[in-house]
Protein backbone atom coordinates (compact mmCIF):
# COMPACT_ATOMS: atom_id res chain seq x y z
CA UNK A 1 70.92 114.20 52.52
CA UNK A 2 67.47 115.50 53.53
CA UNK A 3 65.83 113.72 50.59
CA UNK A 4 67.64 110.50 51.51
CA UNK A 5 66.48 110.70 55.14
CA UNK A 6 62.92 111.67 54.17
CA UNK A 7 62.56 108.69 51.85
CA UNK A 8 64.13 106.36 54.41
CA UNK A 9 61.57 107.52 56.97
CA UNK A 10 58.80 107.05 54.42
CA UNK A 11 59.92 103.48 53.72
CA UNK A 12 59.92 102.68 57.44
CA UNK A 13 56.40 104.12 57.72
CA UNK A 14 55.27 102.15 54.68
CA UNK A 15 56.65 98.91 56.14
CA UNK A 16 55.01 99.65 59.48
CA UNK A 17 51.62 100.33 57.91
CA UNK A 18 51.77 97.09 55.93
CA UNK A 19 53.10 95.27 59.05
CA UNK A 20 55.98 93.88 56.99
CA UNK A 21 58.38 95.57 59.37
CA UNK A 22 57.73 92.72 61.83
CA UNK A 23 59.40 90.35 59.39
CA UNK A 24 62.69 91.65 60.77
CA UNK A 25 61.88 89.90 64.06
CA UNK A 26 62.04 86.46 62.42
CA UNK A 27 65.86 86.05 62.12
CA UNK A 28 66.79 87.26 65.63
CA UNK A 29 63.92 85.34 67.29
CA UNK A 30 63.21 82.23 65.24
CA UNK A 31 66.85 81.79 64.22
CA UNK A 32 68.38 81.24 67.68
CA UNK A 33 65.32 79.38 68.99
CA UNK A 34 65.14 77.05 66.01
CA UNK A 35 68.88 76.53 66.10
CA UNK A 36 68.78 75.70 69.82
CA UNK A 37 66.12 73.05 69.20
CA UNK A 38 68.24 71.64 66.37
CA UNK A 39 71.31 71.54 68.63
CA UNK A 40 69.48 69.39 71.16
CA UNK A 41 67.61 67.19 68.68
CA UNK A 42 70.59 66.47 66.42
CA UNK A 43 73.07 66.21 69.31
CA UNK A 44 75.61 68.43 67.60
CA UNK A 45 79.10 67.17 68.52
CA UNK A 46 80.94 70.47 68.85
CA UNK A 47 80.46 74.17 69.42
CA UNK A 48 81.88 75.16 66.02
CA UNK A 49 79.55 72.80 64.15
CA UNK A 50 76.62 74.16 66.16
CA UNK A 51 77.47 77.72 65.16
CA UNK A 52 77.72 76.75 61.50
CA UNK A 53 74.34 75.01 61.64
CA UNK A 54 72.79 77.98 63.43
CA UNK A 55 74.19 80.44 60.93
CA UNK A 56 72.68 78.46 58.06
CA UNK A 57 69.29 78.42 59.79
CA UNK A 58 69.35 82.12 60.64
CA UNK A 59 70.76 83.05 57.23
CA UNK A 60 68.02 81.09 55.49
CA UNK A 61 65.34 82.94 57.43
CA UNK A 62 67.00 86.29 56.76
CA UNK A 63 67.21 85.39 53.07
CA UNK A 64 63.46 84.86 52.89
CA UNK A 65 62.88 88.24 54.52
CA UNK A 66 65.36 89.94 52.20
CA UNK A 67 63.79 88.44 49.09
CA UNK A 68 60.30 89.46 50.14
CA UNK A 69 61.13 93.05 51.08
CA UNK A 70 63.44 93.62 48.10
CA UNK A 71 60.79 92.37 45.68
CA UNK A 72 58.10 94.59 47.19
CA UNK A 73 60.26 97.70 47.72
CA UNK A 74 59.57 98.93 44.19
CA UNK A 75 57.93 96.08 42.28
CA UNK A 76 54.62 96.62 44.05
CA UNK A 77 54.44 100.23 42.84
CA UNK A 78 55.60 99.38 39.33
CA UNK A 79 52.96 96.66 38.96
CA UNK A 80 50.23 99.11 40.02
CA UNK A 81 51.88 101.94 38.05
CA UNK A 82 51.58 104.06 41.20
CA UNK A 83 54.92 105.66 40.33
CA UNK A 84 53.19 107.67 37.60
CA UNK A 85 51.55 109.64 40.42
CA UNK A 86 54.27 109.52 43.07
CA UNK A 87 57.20 110.39 40.83
CA UNK A 88 55.81 113.69 39.66
CA UNK A 89 56.97 115.12 42.98
CA UNK A 90 59.99 117.44 42.63
CA UNK A 91 62.69 115.07 43.84
CA UNK A 92 65.50 113.15 42.26
CA UNK A 93 64.95 109.44 41.94
CA UNK A 94 68.49 108.59 43.02
CA UNK A 95 68.07 109.82 46.64
CA UNK A 96 64.52 108.47 46.64
CA UNK A 97 65.62 104.92 45.82
CA UNK A 98 68.76 105.14 47.97
CA UNK A 99 66.77 106.05 51.06
CA UNK A 100 64.24 103.29 50.54
CA UNK A 101 66.84 100.64 49.70
CA UNK A 102 68.97 101.61 52.69
CA UNK A 103 66.04 100.72 54.95
CA UNK A 104 65.27 97.42 53.19
CA UNK A 105 68.86 96.22 52.94
CA UNK A 106 70.05 97.68 56.23
CA UNK A 107 67.12 96.28 58.17
CA UNK A 108 67.38 92.80 56.66
CA UNK A 109 71.15 92.57 57.09
CA UNK A 110 70.90 94.00 60.59
CA UNK A 111 68.25 91.45 61.55
CA UNK A 112 70.54 88.65 60.40
CA UNK A 113 73.50 90.15 62.28
CA UNK A 114 71.50 90.32 65.52
CA UNK A 115 70.27 86.76 65.08
CA UNK A 116 73.79 85.55 64.37
CA UNK A 117 75.15 87.35 67.44
CA UNK A 118 72.57 85.60 69.63
CA UNK A 119 73.69 82.21 68.33
CA UNK A 120 76.99 82.35 70.22
CA UNK A 121 75.50 82.33 73.76
CA UNK A 122 72.88 79.75 72.70
CA UNK A 123 75.57 77.44 71.31
CA UNK A 124 77.79 77.95 74.38
CA UNK A 125 74.90 77.04 76.69
CA UNK A 126 73.67 73.96 74.81
CA UNK A 127 76.77 72.50 73.14
CA UNK A 128 80.03 71.65 74.89
CA UNK A 129 83.03 73.60 73.65
CA UNK A 130 84.93 70.56 72.38
CA UNK A 131 86.99 70.29 69.24
CA UNK A 132 84.78 67.65 67.65
CA UNK A 133 85.08 66.37 64.11
CA UNK A 134 85.60 68.88 61.32
CA UNK A 135 82.35 68.06 59.56
CA UNK A 136 82.27 71.31 57.60
CA UNK A 137 85.52 73.04 56.53
CA UNK A 138 84.24 76.53 57.40
CA UNK A 139 85.01 78.95 60.19
CA UNK A 140 81.85 80.44 61.78
CA UNK A 141 83.13 84.02 61.44
CA UNK A 142 83.99 83.48 57.77
CA UNK A 143 80.58 81.93 57.17
CA UNK A 144 78.90 84.90 58.83
CA UNK A 145 80.64 87.37 56.52
CA UNK A 146 79.93 85.17 53.51
CA UNK A 147 76.23 85.01 54.35
CA UNK A 148 76.13 88.80 54.65
CA UNK A 149 77.48 89.14 51.11
CA UNK A 150 75.07 86.45 49.90
CA UNK A 151 72.07 88.26 51.38
CA UNK A 152 73.22 91.53 49.81
CA UNK A 153 73.60 89.82 46.45
CA UNK A 154 70.18 88.14 46.60
CA UNK A 155 68.49 91.40 47.54
CA UNK A 156 70.18 93.20 44.64
CA UNK A 157 69.18 90.49 42.17
CA UNK A 158 65.58 90.61 43.36
CA UNK A 159 65.39 94.40 43.24
CA UNK A 160 66.94 94.45 39.78
CA UNK A 161 64.41 91.88 38.59
CA UNK A 162 61.57 94.04 39.91
CA UNK A 163 62.75 97.00 37.82
CA UNK A 164 62.87 94.82 34.70
CA UNK A 165 59.70 92.76 35.09
CA UNK A 166 57.82 95.52 36.97
CA UNK A 167 56.23 92.81 39.05
CA UNK A 168 56.95 91.92 42.67
CA UNK A 169 55.86 88.30 42.25
CA UNK A 170 58.08 87.70 39.22
CA UNK A 171 61.00 89.41 40.95
CA UNK A 172 60.52 87.13 43.95
CA UNK A 173 60.69 84.08 41.67
CA UNK A 174 63.91 85.39 40.13
CA UNK A 175 65.35 85.96 43.59
CA UNK A 176 64.54 82.42 44.69
CA UNK A 177 66.10 80.97 41.53
CA UNK A 178 69.15 83.18 42.05
CA UNK A 179 69.54 81.95 45.62
CA UNK A 180 69.32 78.31 44.55
CA UNK A 181 71.93 78.75 41.82
CA UNK A 182 74.29 80.78 44.02
CA UNK A 183 74.12 78.31 46.92
CA UNK A 184 74.67 75.43 44.49
CA UNK A 185 77.78 77.09 43.07
CA UNK A 186 79.09 77.81 46.57
CA UNK A 187 78.46 74.21 47.59
CA UNK A 188 80.29 72.91 44.53
CA UNK A 189 83.29 75.13 45.24
CA UNK A 190 83.25 74.03 48.88
CA UNK A 191 83.31 70.35 47.91
CA UNK A 192 86.16 71.03 45.49
CA UNK A 193 88.03 72.97 48.23
CA UNK A 194 88.07 76.02 45.96
CA UNK A 195 85.77 78.24 48.02
CA UNK A 196 87.83 81.27 49.04
CA UNK A 197 87.16 84.85 50.14
CA UNK A 198 87.10 85.82 46.48
CA UNK A 199 83.61 84.33 46.07
CA UNK A 200 81.76 86.56 48.60
CA UNK A 201 83.77 89.57 47.46
CA UNK A 202 82.71 88.90 43.86
CA UNK A 203 79.08 88.59 45.00
CA UNK A 204 79.27 91.96 46.76
CA UNK A 205 80.80 93.67 43.72
CA UNK A 206 78.19 92.22 41.37
CA UNK A 207 75.44 93.24 43.79
CA UNK A 208 76.70 96.84 43.92
CA UNK A 209 76.83 96.99 40.12
CA UNK A 210 73.29 95.62 39.84
CA UNK A 211 71.97 98.18 42.30
CA UNK A 212 73.67 101.03 40.46
CA UNK A 213 72.32 99.87 37.10
CA UNK A 214 68.84 99.52 38.59
CA UNK A 215 68.85 103.06 39.95
CA UNK A 216 69.86 104.35 36.50
CA UNK A 217 67.12 102.27 34.85
CA UNK A 218 64.47 103.57 37.20
CA UNK A 219 65.68 107.15 36.73
CA UNK A 220 64.99 106.84 33.02
CA UNK A 221 61.67 105.06 33.43
CA UNK A 222 58.59 106.87 32.09
CA UNK A 223 60.68 109.96 31.34
């Protein structure tokens, strides 16, 4: 546990020194503000539709942050081959990666959760709580949970790509392509009325498998 905590603290310090840690302010600040402007400009007809629109806006911002931090969490070191110096330290790579990934994933998902929580009072203040037309067949709470699993999946895909390509830029491209394909599949299932809870659960399972395989790959790297 001490190695896990030490590496988590090191990742926080590394993000602070590079000023990337301030990226976590984007979803909880720009998400509700941008959504509120959209509510007024588009004249959203109902509170539920407003929440769905706001969740998409905030989730999109959080996705950009997740992709960036996941790509740079290890890809930056692999591209510079800095790990050849850092990994000679007497520590296991499993706790090392777990601590660093916990910060990246936990911070990004937490930033989205805070931004999503702030959407409710913004929507209540700007949009009347009327039934309105069912423009999108999604419940806001279900969409929130689905976006959490999507962000987790996209971060895992991006991190896995960084361990394969050993390049942060290439991993970021893979993450963007993965997000486009995943959203397209979800949209198709939604139109066909086949989008169920199984889809986000499957994304979470695949993401966990990818992370586990990546940790094993990195443990065997340059050994």
